[in-house]
Amino acid sequence: MNIFLDYKNVNFIKLSLIFFLFIFFSEAVLTQNSSSEIRNGKNVYEISCSVCHQAGLAGAPIFGNSSSWGERKNKTLEELTHSVKNGLRGMPAMGLCMNCTSSELEEAVQYMLDAL
């Protein structure tokens, strides 16, 4: 059996690709934004979240697409922000915005919710 057709291998390859994209772009992101710089939700979304949430990579709910959010729409801002901080399924902890504050992450989540 071809190893690339195995369900676990396909998911591993997808997650590896996402991880590679984050690592590849993280240097540019980190040099654009110092930890002392205050960012709003839109800035954080565009820099860190849009990589996955524009296209729905790894099952990420698509920005502005209410149906792709499913039951997530019923969660509180605090619950969603907790998932962002700690990671969930294919989403890495902090959305790989390691220099983001809790407030900035919460604003990014609110920005995405406001677009629904």
Protein backbone atom coordinates (compact mmCIF):
# COMPACT_ATOMS: atom_id res chain seq x y z
CA MET A 1 0.00 0.00 0.00
CA ASN A 2 1.30 3.44 -0.88
CA ILE A 3 2.34 5.25 2.32
CA PHE A 4 1.08 8.57 0.97
CA LEU A 5 -2.48 7.23 0.83
CA ASP A 6 -2.50 6.33 4.51
CA TYR A 7 -4.80 8.74 6.40
CA LYS A 8 -2.31 9.34 9.21
CA ASN A 9 0.49 10.09 6.77
CA VAL A 10 -1.65 12.55 4.82
CA ASN A 11 -2.50 14.43 8.02
CA PHE A 12 1.15 14.36 9.08
CA ILE A 13 2.21 15.77 5.72
CA LYS A 14 -0.42 18.54 5.93
CA LEU A 15 0.58 19.51 9.46
CA SER A 16 4.26 19.39 8.52
CA LEU A 17 3.62 21.73 5.60
CA ILE A 18 1.72 24.15 7.83
CA PHE A 19 4.49 24.03 10.43
CA PHE A 20 7.09 24.66 7.71
CA LEU A 21 5.14 27.67 6.42
CA PHE A 22 4.91 29.14 9.91
CA ILE A 23 8.62 28.64 10.55
CA PHE A 24 9.52 30.01 7.12
CA PHE A 25 7.50 33.18 7.65
CA SER A 26 8.14 33.58 11.37
CA GLU A 27 11.49 35.30 10.91
CA ALA A 28 9.92 37.97 8.72
CA VAL A 29 7.05 38.38 11.16
CA LEU A 30 9.32 38.68 14.17
CA THR A 31 11.50 41.28 12.49
CA GLN A 32 8.46 43.34 11.50
CA ASN A 33 7.04 43.45 15.01
CA SER A 34 8.95 43.98 18.20
CA SER A 35 7.38 42.80 21.44
CA SER A 36 7.14 46.41 22.63
CA GLU A 37 4.97 47.39 19.66
CA ILE A 38 1.25 47.44 20.38
CA ARG A 39 -0.83 45.74 17.69
CA ASN A 40 -4.57 45.61 17.24
CA GLY A 41 -6.64 42.55 16.35
CA LYS A 42 -6.51 43.21 12.63
CA ASN A 43 -2.69 43.53 12.69
CA VAL A 44 -2.27 40.30 14.62
CA TYR A 45 -4.72 38.50 12.33
CA GLU A 46 -2.95 39.68 9.18
CA ILE A 47 0.51 38.81 10.50
CA SER A 48 -0.11 35.53 12.29
CA CYS A 49 -3.60 34.15 11.75
CA SER A 50 -4.34 34.75 8.09
CA VAL A 51 -1.84 32.13 6.91
CA CYS A 52 -4.31 29.41 7.92
CA HIS A 53 -7.62 31.22 8.37
CA GLN A 54 -7.77 32.72 4.87
CA ALA A 55 -7.71 29.29 3.21
CA GLY A 56 -8.93 27.05 6.02
CA LEU A 57 -5.68 25.10 6.30
CA ALA A 58 -5.71 22.12 8.69
CA GLY A 59 -9.41 22.64 9.36
CA ALA A 60 -9.06 26.26 10.50
CA PRO A 61 -12.36 28.14 10.30
CA ILE A 62 -12.23 30.53 7.36
CA PHE A 63 -12.20 34.26 8.08
CA GLY A 64 -15.58 35.81 7.33
CA ASN A 65 -17.21 32.44 6.52
CA SER A 66 -19.83 31.87 9.21
CA SER A 67 -20.65 28.30 8.21
CA SER A 68 -17.02 27.17 8.52
CA TRP A 69 -17.01 28.26 12.17
CA GLY A 70 -19.75 25.78 13.09
CA GLU A 71 -20.07 25.31 16.86
CA ARG A 72 -17.13 27.63 17.51
CA LYS A 73 -19.53 30.55 17.04
CA ASN A 74 -21.30 29.47 20.24
CA LYS A 75 -18.14 29.61 22.35
CA THR A 76 -17.27 32.63 24.44
CA LEU A 77 -14.44 34.98 23.59
CA GLU A 78 -12.57 33.61 26.61
CA GLU A 79 -12.97 30.00 25.45
CA LEU A 80 -11.75 30.79 21.95
CA THR A 81 -8.83 32.85 23.26
CA HIS A 82 -7.88 29.95 25.55
CA SER A 83 -7.75 27.66 22.50
CA VAL A 84 -5.52 30.17 20.71
CA LYS A 85 -3.13 30.47 23.65
CA ASN A 86 -2.83 26.72 24.22
CA GLY A 87 -3.28 25.40 20.70
CA LEU A 88 -5.98 23.05 19.48
CA ARG A 89 -5.83 20.25 16.90
CA GLY A 90 -3.89 21.69 13.93
CA MET A 91 -3.47 25.15 15.43
CA PRO A 92 -0.19 25.69 17.25
CA ALA A 93 -0.13 27.42 20.62
CA MET A 94 -0.23 31.22 20.37
CA GLY A 95 -0.90 30.83 16.64
CA LEU A 96 2.90 30.97 16.54
CA CYS A 97 2.75 34.64 17.54
CA MET A 98 5.06 34.02 20.48
CA ASN A 99 5.55 37.73 21.13
CA CYS A 100 1.81 38.50 21.23
CA THR A 101 0.23 39.51 24.50
CA SER A 102 -2.95 37.89 25.81
CA SER A 103 -4.78 41.10 24.99
CA GLU A 104 -3.52 41.10 21.39
CA LEU A 105 -4.59 37.48 20.92
CA GLU A 106 -8.03 38.25 22.34
CA GLU A 107 -8.35 41.23 19.99
CA ALA A 108 -7.41 39.01 17.03
CA VAL A 109 -10.11 36.50 18.00
CA GLN A 110 -12.64 39.33 18.38
CA TYR A 111 -11.61 40.71 14.98
CA MET A 112 -12.33 37.33 13.39
CA LEU A 113 -15.66 37.00 15.22
CA ASP A 114 -16.70 40.49 14.13
CA ALA A 115 -16.22 39.42 10.50
CA LEU A 116 -18.86 36.69 10.78
